[in-house]
Protein backbone atom coordinates (compact mmCIF):
# COMPACT_ATOMS: atom_id res chain seq x y z
CA UNK A 1 61.86 -16.30 -23.18
CA UNK A 2 65.62 -17.28 -22.92
CA UNK A 3 66.36 -14.83 -19.90
CA UNK A 4 63.30 -16.83 -18.20
CA UNK A 5 65.01 -20.40 -18.68
CA UNK A 6 68.48 -18.94 -17.66
CA UNK A 7 66.72 -17.95 -14.13
CA UNK A 8 65.46 -21.52 -13.51
CA UNK A 9 68.83 -22.85 -13.80
CA UNK A 10 70.80 -20.42 -11.89
CA UNK A 11 71.82 -21.41 -8.11
CA UNK A 12 69.83 -19.74 -5.37
CA UNK A 13 71.53 -17.27 -3.29
CA UNK A 14 74.61 -15.21 -3.96
CA UNK A 15 78.32 -16.69 -3.52
CA UNK A 16 79.51 -15.63 -0.15
CA UNK A 17 82.03 -13.16 -0.98
CA UNK A 18 84.28 -14.64 1.77
CA UNK A 19 84.84 -18.12 1.22
CA UNK A 20 83.74 -18.18 -2.40
CA UNK A 21 82.02 -21.60 -1.35
CA UNK A 22 78.83 -20.98 -0.03
CA UNK A 23 75.73 -19.99 -1.60
CA UNK A 24 73.78 -17.94 1.07
CA UNK A 25 70.10 -18.00 0.37
CA UNK A 26 67.81 -15.34 1.93
CA UNK A 27 64.47 -15.49 2.84
CA UNK A 28 61.99 -12.39 2.18
CA UNK A 29 61.63 -12.42 6.18
CA UNK A 30 65.72 -12.28 6.35
CA UNK A 31 66.01 -9.45 3.73
CA UNK A 32 63.19 -7.54 5.49
CA UNK A 33 64.07 -7.78 9.37
CA UNK A 34 67.90 -8.70 9.55
CA UNK A 35 70.67 -6.47 9.49
CA UNK A 36 73.30 -8.71 9.41
CA UNK A 37 73.44 -12.03 7.72
CA UNK A 38 76.11 -14.72 7.99
CA UNK A 39 77.51 -17.35 6.00
CA UNK A 40 77.13 -20.58 7.91
CA UNK A 41 80.05 -21.88 5.90
CA UNK A 42 83.03 -19.34 6.91
CA UNK A 43 81.07 -17.12 9.57
CA UNK A 44 81.65 -13.95 7.55
CA UNK A 45 78.80 -11.53 8.51
CA UNK A 46 77.73 -9.42 5.96
CA UNK A 47 75.56 -5.77 6.49
CA UNK A 48 72.70 -4.98 4.83
CA UNK A 49 72.02 -1.51 3.96
CA UNK A 50 68.64 -1.06 3.44
CA UNK A 51 68.98 2.86 3.12
CA UNK A 52 69.01 2.72 -0.98
CA UNK A 53 66.32 0.46 -1.31
CA UNK A 54 63.56 1.65 1.34
CA UNK A 55 60.91 2.01 -1.39
CA UNK A 56 61.40 -1.51 -3.09
CA UNK A 57 61.50 -2.76 1.04
CA UNK A 58 58.44 -1.29 1.68
CA UNK A 59 56.66 -2.90 -1.11
CA UNK A 60 58.36 -6.36 -0.13
CA UNK A 61 57.24 -5.99 3.25
CA UNK A 62 53.49 -5.09 2.13
CA UNK A 63 53.79 -8.25 0.19
CA UNK A 64 55.08 -10.08 2.78
CA UNK A 65 52.06 -8.98 5.32
CA UNK A 66 49.60 -10.03 2.39
CA UNK A 67 51.34 -13.29 2.20
CA UNK A 68 51.27 -13.91 5.87
CA UNK A 69 47.04 -13.01 6.04
CA UNK A 70 46.52 -15.13 2.96
CA UNK A 71 48.36 -17.96 4.99
CA UNK A 72 46.79 -17.47 8.01
CA UNK A 73 43.15 -17.50 6.52
CA UNK A 74 43.90 -20.59 4.66
CA UNK A 75 44.94 -22.31 7.74
CA UNK A 76 41.73 -21.09 9.54
CA UNK A 77 39.26 -22.53 6.74
CA UNK A 78 41.01 -25.69 6.86
């Protein structure tokens, strides 16, 4: 339970390794489809090496697609 409460108190995103001034937040869509992310504060570009986590990204993509379908169905039923 303690770890759960700790997670709720930690800032979102990760600290830019360049400027150490800005927390870079990634959406699931950005994580899945972008190859490079950029710090909006200092402009540092970071490449995303997805080769080591292909299986996890595949599962996240399935989740993303399913979520989009649910959103689409809900919007049609509203």
